[in-house]
Amino acid sequence: MTQIPTRIDAVQWAQYFAKLAINEMTWFDFLTVIDRGEGLEVIVRVVNIASNESALVSTTVTQEVTSLTATYPGAGWYEREAQEMFGVTFIGLDDGRPLLHRSHTQGSPMRKSVTL
């Protein structure tokens, strides 16, 4: 499997994935977030099933980034989890409801700045 790692600016996030989808990277594999302290790194992997190629794309955000659900509808669950756990706002995410009920928790529990 060939994997193409790429780091892009958050402003180009949604447009970059739209181009990948046009180029047969149509399978959304995963989205995760890493708290780097000075920013949040959002990482996504998409796959071209026919050629067995994948793209691992990351960007650094402080708070928000455009949702990928217009291109990859399956990204919604991952974005909802990242929103709840890390406090990343996904602009354009249709369903921003929390996946877990956290009425007893303040803040985003996976952020380094939050004490549990």
Protein backbone atom coordinates (compact mmCIF):
# COMPACT_ATOMS: atom_id res chain seq x y z
CA MET A 1 0.00 0.00 0.00
CA THR A 2 1.31 3.41 -0.95
CA GLN A 3 0.60 6.14 1.56
CA ILE A 4 1.07 9.81 0.81
CA PRO A 5 1.55 11.90 3.99
CA THR A 6 0.65 15.55 3.54
CA ARG A 7 0.46 18.55 5.83
CA ILE A 8 -1.78 21.37 4.65
CA ASP A 9 -3.06 24.71 5.88
CA ALA A 10 -6.45 24.58 7.63
CA VAL A 11 -7.88 27.09 5.13
CA GLN A 12 -7.39 24.54 2.32
CA TRP A 13 -8.74 21.57 4.32
CA ALA A 14 -12.12 20.91 2.65
CA GLN A 15 -10.95 21.86 -0.85
CA TYR A 16 -7.98 19.51 -0.60
CA PHE A 17 -10.21 16.56 0.32
CA ALA A 18 -12.66 17.41 -2.46
CA LYS A 19 -9.75 17.08 -4.91
CA LEU A 20 -8.70 13.77 -3.35
CA ALA A 21 -12.24 12.42 -3.75
CA ILE A 22 -12.28 13.42 -7.42
CA ASN A 23 -9.02 11.49 -7.79
CA GLU A 24 -10.62 8.27 -6.50
CA MET A 25 -9.70 8.66 -2.81
CA THR A 26 -13.31 7.90 -1.96
CA TRP A 27 -13.09 5.76 1.17
CA PHE A 28 -12.90 7.71 4.42
CA ASP A 29 -10.83 5.64 6.86
CA PHE A 30 -10.46 7.73 10.02
CA LEU A 31 -10.09 11.13 11.65
CA THR A 32 -8.20 11.71 14.87
CA VAL A 33 -6.88 14.67 16.83
CA ILE A 34 -3.66 15.11 18.79
CA ASP A 35 -3.25 17.91 21.31
CA ARG A 36 0.25 19.23 20.62
CA GLY A 37 0.01 21.89 23.33
CA GLU A 38 0.29 24.91 21.04
CA GLY A 39 -2.42 23.64 18.71
CA LEU A 40 -4.54 20.68 17.77
CA GLU A 41 -3.38 18.45 14.95
CA VAL A 42 -6.29 16.99 12.98
CA ILE A 43 -5.31 13.89 11.00
CA VAL A 44 -7.40 12.15 8.34
CA ARG A 45 -6.74 9.08 6.22
CA VAL A 46 -8.61 8.42 2.97
CA VAL A 47 -8.11 5.48 0.61
CA ASN A 48 -8.38 4.64 -3.07
CA ILE A 49 -9.68 1.07 -2.83
CA ALA A 50 -8.91 0.19 -6.47
CA SER A 51 -5.23 1.18 -6.39
CA ASN A 52 -4.67 0.51 -2.68
CA GLU A 53 -3.22 4.01 -2.25
CA SER A 54 -3.99 6.18 0.73
CA ALA A 55 -3.48 9.76 1.79
CA LEU A 56 -2.69 10.70 5.37
CA VAL A 57 -3.45 14.41 5.66
CA SER A 58 -2.97 16.64 8.68
CA THR A 59 -3.44 20.25 9.64
CA THR A 60 -2.99 22.26 12.80
CA VAL A 61 -5.92 24.24 14.16
CA THR A 62 -6.51 26.31 17.25
CA GLN A 63 -10.27 25.83 17.45
CA GLU A 64 -12.08 25.22 14.16
CA VAL A 65 -11.80 23.66 10.72
CA THR A 66 -14.25 22.99 7.89
CA SER A 67 -16.23 19.76 8.11
CA LEU A 68 -15.52 17.04 5.55
CA THR A 69 -19.07 15.67 5.60
CA ALA A 70 -19.96 17.29 2.26
CA THR A 71 -17.31 15.10 0.60
CA TYR A 72 -17.22 12.17 3.03
CA PRO A 73 -20.56 11.75 4.86
CA GLY A 74 -19.00 9.09 7.11
CA ALA A 75 -16.69 11.71 8.61
CA GLY A 76 -19.57 13.02 10.71
CA TRP A 77 -19.20 10.52 13.55
CA TYR A 78 -15.46 11.12 13.77
CA GLU A 79 -15.94 14.89 13.72
CA ARG A 80 -18.58 14.69 16.44
CA GLU A 81 -16.20 12.69 18.62
CA ALA A 82 -13.32 15.12 18.00
CA GLN A 83 -15.64 18.03 18.75
CA GLU A 84 -16.71 16.52 22.04
CA MET A 85 -13.35 15.20 23.20
CA PHE A 86 -11.01 17.95 21.95
CA GLY A 87 -13.29 20.96 21.46
CA VAL A 88 -12.60 21.26 17.73
CA THR A 89 -15.47 23.02 15.96
CA PHE A 90 -16.23 21.57 12.52
CA ILE A 91 -17.82 24.32 10.44
CA GLY A 92 -20.67 22.88 8.39
CA LEU A 93 -21.15 19.74 10.48
CA ASP A 94 -24.87 19.03 10.23
CA ASP A 95 -25.22 17.04 13.44
CA GLY A 96 -23.14 18.50 16.25
CA ARG A 97 -24.85 16.60 19.06
CA PRO A 98 -22.49 15.00 21.59
CA LEU A 99 -21.94 11.27 21.20
CA LEU A 100 -21.59 10.79 24.97
CA HIS A 101 -23.54 12.47 27.72
CA ARG A 102 -21.04 14.42 29.81
CA SER A 103 -23.17 16.63 32.00
CA HIS A 104 -20.69 16.19 34.87
CA THR A 105 -17.63 17.20 32.83
CA GLN A 106 -16.49 20.72 32.02
CA GLY A 107 -14.30 21.36 29.00
CA SER A 108 -12.91 18.91 26.49
CA PRO A 109 -11.58 15.85 28.34
CA MET A 110 -8.80 14.94 25.90
CA ARG A 111 -7.17 18.39 25.95
CA LYS A 112 -3.90 18.65 27.85
CA SER A 113 -5.17 21.79 29.55
CA VAL A 114 -8.11 19.96 31.17
CA THR A 115 -7.69 18.33 34.56
CA LEU A 116 -10.00 15.39 35.07
